[in-house]
N, C-alpha and C. Protein backbone atom coordinates (compact mmCIF):
# COMPACT_ATOMS: atom_id res chain seq x y z
N MET A 1 77.56 95.27 85.76
CA MET A 1 77.64 95.05 87.25
C MET A 1 79.06 94.11 87.56
N GLU A 2 79.75 94.44 88.44
CA GLU A 2 81.40 93.94 88.26
C GLU A 2 80.80 92.51 89.06
N ASN A 3 81.47 91.56 88.70
CA ASN A 3 81.70 90.10 89.13
C ASN A 3 82.02 89.79 90.65
N PRO A 4 81.15 89.30 91.43
CA PRO A 4 81.76 89.37 92.75
C PRO A 4 82.89 88.69 93.17
N ASN A 5 83.11 87.31 92.43
CA ASN A 5 84.70 86.82 92.51
C ASN A 5 85.72 87.74 92.37
N ARG A 6 85.51 88.55 91.18
CA ARG A 6 86.60 89.29 90.58
C ARG A 6 87.15 90.72 91.98
N LEU A 7 85.75 90.98 92.51
CA LEU A 7 85.93 91.96 93.18
C LEU A 7 86.80 91.36 94.79
N LYS A 8 86.26 90.07 95.01
CA LYS A 8 87.03 89.16 96.00
C LYS A 8 88.31 89.23 96.04
N LYS A 9 88.66 88.66 94.65
CA LYS A 9 90.08 88.56 94.44
C LYS A 9 91.14 89.70 94.27
N GLU A 10 90.66 91.22 94.12
CA GLU A 10 91.27 92.24 93.88
C GLU A 10 91.25 92.83 95.30
N PHE A 11 90.29 92.76 96.26
CA PHE A 11 90.35 92.85 97.49
C PHE A 11 91.61 92.10 98.30
N ARG A 12 91.46 91.00 97.85
CA ARG A 12 92.62 89.86 98.74
C ARG A 12 93.87 90.78 98.30
N TRP A 13 94.02 90.76 97.13
CA TRP A 13 95.55 91.39 96.26
C TRP A 13 95.92 92.94 97.05
N VAL A 14 94.64 93.46 97.28
CA VAL A 14 95.29 94.77 97.70
C VAL A 14 95.41 94.84 99.49
N CYS A 15 94.63 93.55 99.87
CA CYS A 15 95.18 93.56 101.28
C CYS A 15 96.67 92.68 101.54
N LYS A 16 97.11 92.10 100.43
CA LYS A 16 98.32 91.38 100.34
C LYS A 16 99.41 92.50 100.36
N VAL A 17 99.00 93.08 99.57
CA VAL A 17 99.59 94.62 99.39
C VAL A 17 100.19 95.41 100.20
N ALA A 18 99.04 95.54 100.97
CA ALA A 18 98.93 96.18 102.00
C ALA A 18 99.91 95.82 103.03
N ILE A 19 99.84 94.55 103.57
CA ILE A 19 100.65 93.71 104.40
C ILE A 19 102.08 93.96 104.44
N CYS A 20 102.50 93.74 102.87
CA CYS A 20 103.74 93.95 102.52
C CYS A 20 104.34 95.42 102.65
N GLY A 21 103.70 96.29 102.37
CA GLY A 21 103.77 97.80 102.91
C GLY A 21 104.24 97.98 104.36
N ALA A 22 103.28 97.47 105.08
CA ALA A 22 103.60 97.41 106.54
C ALA A 22 104.64 96.66 106.91
N VAL A 23 104.96 95.61 106.48
CA VAL A 23 106.08 94.73 106.52
C VAL A 23 107.59 95.52 106.04
N LEU A 24 107.25 96.14 105.29
CA LEU A 24 108.64 96.85 104.33
C LEU A 24 109.00 97.70 105.18
N PHE A 25 108.21 98.75 105.65
CA PHE A 25 108.10 100.09 106.50
C PHE A 25 108.79 99.84 108.09
N ASP A 26 108.26 98.62 108.43
CA ASP A 26 108.83 97.87 110.03
C ASP A 26 110.31 97.48 109.63
N ALA A 27 110.53 97.03 108.52
CA ALA A 27 111.40 96.10 108.31
C ALA A 27 112.62 97.44 108.33
N ILE A 28 112.49 98.63 107.47
CA ILE A 28 113.19 99.84 107.37
C ILE A 28 113.62 100.37 108.64
N ILE A 29 112.65 100.93 109.71
CA ILE A 29 112.70 101.09 111.10
C ILE A 29 113.56 100.12 111.74
N LEU A 30 113.30 99.23 111.81
CA LEU A 30 114.20 98.08 112.54
C LEU A 30 115.61 97.97 111.93
N LEU A 31 116.09 97.95 110.74
CA LEU A 31 117.35 98.10 110.34
C LEU A 31 117.90 99.64 110.47
N LEU A 32 117.28 100.62 110.46
CA LEU A 32 117.93 101.95 111.10
C LEU A 32 118.22 101.98 112.24
N ALA A 33 117.26 101.41 113.17
CA ALA A 33 117.20 101.38 114.66
C ALA A 33 118.79 100.51 115.27
N ARG A 34 119.05 99.54 114.22
CA ARG A 34 119.87 98.40 114.56
C ARG A 34 121.48 99.33 114.08
N ASP A 35 121.32 100.05 113.24
CA ASP A 35 122.59 100.54 112.64
C ASP A 35 123.05 101.83 113.51
N GLY A 36 121.83 102.37 114.28
CA GLY A 36 122.44 103.55 114.73
C GLY A 36 122.60 104.84 113.97
N ASP A 37 122.95 104.91 112.90
CA ASP A 37 123.03 105.95 111.81
C ASP A 37 121.85 106.04 110.65
N SER A 38 120.82 106.76 111.03
CA SER A 38 119.79 106.73 110.02
C SER A 38 119.73 107.57 108.85
N GLY A 39 120.56 108.90 108.86
CA GLY A 39 120.58 110.15 107.99
C GLY A 39 118.83 110.39 107.42
N LEU A 40 118.79 110.72 106.30
CA LEU A 40 117.94 111.57 105.89
C LEU A 40 116.30 110.43 105.88
N LEU A 41 116.99 109.71 105.38
CA LEU A 41 115.27 107.95 105.42
C LEU A 41 115.13 107.99 106.77
N GLY A 42 116.10 108.11 107.76
CA GLY A 42 115.48 107.88 109.14
C GLY A 42 114.70 108.53 109.54
N ILE A 43 114.86 110.27 109.07
CA ILE A 43 114.10 111.42 109.22
C ILE A 43 112.96 111.46 108.74
N LEU A 44 112.93 110.96 107.81
CA LEU A 44 111.99 110.86 107.00
C LEU A 44 110.52 109.93 107.74
N LEU A 45 111.31 108.41 108.06
CA LEU A 45 110.33 107.57 108.48
C LEU A 45 109.94 107.70 109.78
N VAL A 46 110.82 108.32 110.88
CA VAL A 46 110.11 108.80 112.42
C VAL A 46 109.41 109.90 112.45
N THR A 47 109.34 110.90 111.16
CA THR A 47 108.97 111.87 111.42
C THR A 47 107.04 111.69 111.45
N PRO A 48 106.37 110.59 111.14
CA PRO A 48 104.89 110.79 111.55
C PRO A 48 105.10 110.15 113.12
N SER A 49 105.98 109.52 113.51
CA SER A 49 106.00 109.14 115.12
C SER A 49 106.23 110.37 115.99
N ALA A 50 106.91 111.37 115.15
CA ALA A 50 107.15 112.42 116.21
C ALA A 50 105.93 113.05 116.33
N PHE A 51 105.15 112.89 115.29
CA PHE A 51 103.96 113.71 115.67
C PHE A 51 102.73 113.15 116.53
N LEU A 52 102.85 112.16 116.58
CA LEU A 52 102.03 111.06 117.36
C LEU A 52 103.03 111.00 118.69
N TYR A 53 104.00 111.72 119.22
CA TYR A 53 104.83 111.39 120.35
C TYR A 53 104.12 111.65 121.41
N SER A 54 103.55 112.65 121.84
CA SER A 54 102.81 113.23 122.91
C SER A 54 101.70 112.13 123.55
N SER A 55 101.07 112.10 122.47
CA SER A 55 99.72 110.90 122.59
C SER A 55 100.18 109.58 123.23
N LEU A 56 101.17 109.45 122.63
CA LEU A 56 101.16 107.41 123.08
C LEU A 56 102.44 107.50 123.66
N ILE A 57 103.72 108.12 123.72
CA ILE A 57 104.51 108.09 124.22
C ILE A 57 104.84 108.69 125.54
N ASP A 58 104.40 110.17 125.50
CA ASP A 58 104.65 110.86 126.94
C ASP A 58 103.27 110.41 127.79
N SER A 59 102.33 109.72 127.38
CA SER A 59 101.33 109.07 128.39
C SER A 59 101.47 107.53 128.92
N GLY A 60 102.92 107.48 128.78
CA GLY A 60 103.30 106.01 129.08
C GLY A 60 102.85 104.91 128.53
N LYS A 61 102.14 104.91 127.28
CA LYS A 61 101.39 103.86 126.93
C LYS A 61 102.22 103.35 125.95
N MET A 62 103.23 103.37 125.45
CA MET A 62 104.04 102.90 124.40
C MET A 62 105.49 103.07 124.41
N GLU A 63 106.47 102.42 124.15
CA GLU A 63 107.95 102.67 123.90
C GLU A 63 108.09 103.79 122.66
N PRO A 64 109.36 104.60 122.71
CA PRO A 64 109.50 105.15 121.38
C PRO A 64 109.83 104.39 120.37
N LEU A 65 110.30 102.92 120.08
CA LEU A 65 110.55 102.21 119.07
C LEU A 65 109.21 101.36 118.88
N SER A 66 108.59 101.23 120.09
CA SER A 66 107.08 100.39 119.57
C SER A 66 106.46 101.10 118.86
N ALA A 67 106.25 102.52 118.98
CA ALA A 67 105.29 103.67 118.82
C ALA A 67 105.75 104.13 117.19
N ALA A 68 106.99 103.84 117.00
CA ALA A 68 107.43 104.18 115.87
C ALA A 68 107.10 102.92 114.57
N LEU A 69 107.01 101.63 115.51
CA LEU A 69 106.66 100.55 114.17
C LEU A 69 105.43 100.19 114.04
N VAL A 70 104.47 100.59 115.11
CA VAL A 70 102.95 100.50 114.97
C VAL A 70 102.60 101.98 113.99
N ILE A 71 103.05 102.91 114.03
CA ILE A 71 102.75 104.32 113.00
C ILE A 71 103.14 103.71 111.78
N ASN A 72 104.42 103.35 111.70
CA ASN A 72 105.02 103.30 110.58
C ASN A 72 104.35 102.07 109.48
N ALA A 73 104.13 101.37 110.23
CA ALA A 73 103.08 100.14 109.83
C ALA A 73 102.03 100.45 109.27
N LEU A 74 101.01 100.92 109.95
CA LEU A 74 99.83 101.55 109.30
C LEU A 74 100.11 102.56 108.19
N LEU A 75 100.95 103.34 108.29
CA LEU A 75 101.37 104.39 107.25
C LEU A 75 101.81 103.39 106.01
N GLY A 76 102.73 102.62 106.02
CA GLY A 76 102.95 101.55 104.64
C GLY A 76 101.73 100.74 104.41
N ALA A 77 100.87 100.46 105.15
CA ALA A 77 99.71 99.74 104.86
C ALA A 77 98.96 100.63 103.70
N ILE A 78 98.65 101.99 105.05
CA ILE A 78 97.69 102.83 103.50
C ILE A 78 98.31 103.34 102.47
N VAL A 79 99.37 103.32 102.52
CA VAL A 79 100.13 104.09 101.20
C VAL A 79 100.42 102.85 100.43
N PHE A 80 100.95 101.69 100.48
CA PHE A 80 100.58 100.55 99.58
C PHE A 80 99.20 99.98 99.52
N GLY A 81 98.58 99.90 100.06
CA GLY A 81 97.00 99.62 100.07
C GLY A 81 96.19 100.65 98.70
N LEU A 82 96.62 102.02 98.82
CA LEU A 82 95.79 103.22 98.14
C LEU A 82 96.75 102.98 96.83
N LEU A 83 97.97 102.57 96.86
CA LEU A 83 98.72 102.35 95.46
C LEU A 83 98.04 101.21 94.72
N ALA A 84 97.83 99.98 95.36
CA ALA A 84 97.25 99.44 94.75
C ALA A 84 95.80 98.99 94.35
N ALA A 85 95.50 99.96 95.01
CA ALA A 85 93.49 100.32 94.90
C ALA A 85 93.54 101.17 93.67
N VAL A 86 94.30 102.16 93.48
CA VAL A 86 94.49 103.09 91.98
C VAL A 86 95.09 102.31 91.17
N TRP A 87 95.84 100.98 91.19
CA TRP A 87 96.54 100.63 90.31
C TRP A 87 95.33 99.77 89.54
N LEU A 88 94.48 99.06 90.36
CA LEU A 88 93.32 98.28 89.84
C LEU A 88 92.28 99.15 89.39
N SER A 89 92.10 100.26 90.00
CA SER A 89 91.20 101.36 89.46
C SER A 89 91.51 101.58 87.89
N VAL A 90 92.80 101.63 87.31
CA VAL A 90 93.42 102.10 86.15
C VAL A 90 93.84 101.41 85.29
N LYS A 91 93.73 100.02 85.51
CA LYS A 91 94.29 98.75 84.76
C LYS A 91 93.35 98.79 84.25
N ASP A 92 93.47 98.01 82.78
CA ASP A 92 92.42 97.46 81.89
C ASP A 92 91.67 95.96 82.52
N PRO A 93 90.21 96.35 82.69
CA PRO A 93 89.50 95.12 83.54
C PRO A 93 89.81 93.69 82.40
N HIS A 94 90.20 93.78 81.48
CA HIS A 94 90.16 92.52 80.63
C HIS A 94 91.58 92.18 80.38
N GLU A 95 92.53 92.93 80.94
CA GLU A 95 93.86 92.71 81.00
C GLU A 95 94.10 91.34 81.88
N LYS A 96 94.90 90.32 81.71
CA LYS A 96 94.86 89.21 82.56
C LYS A 96 96.30 88.99 82.87
């Protein structure tokens, strides 16, 4: 059986990594919005927002940049959180 303290510590670590992913994805969007010339990276990061454009932006609930920030923050948190969880599941549990 797993040690509850270890599980709490790993859960906190996964949450911290997910928050870092959200901040990183939002920072990239803000930098690209400031510079104006986004290139391929900008297209790849704004694509998830474009899929939800009609439901969030056209209904008047959010501005385009706000929607891009929210959606990409969630995407970054999910990607980084999943990577952290996979990393914890494949690493040696006795490794410190």
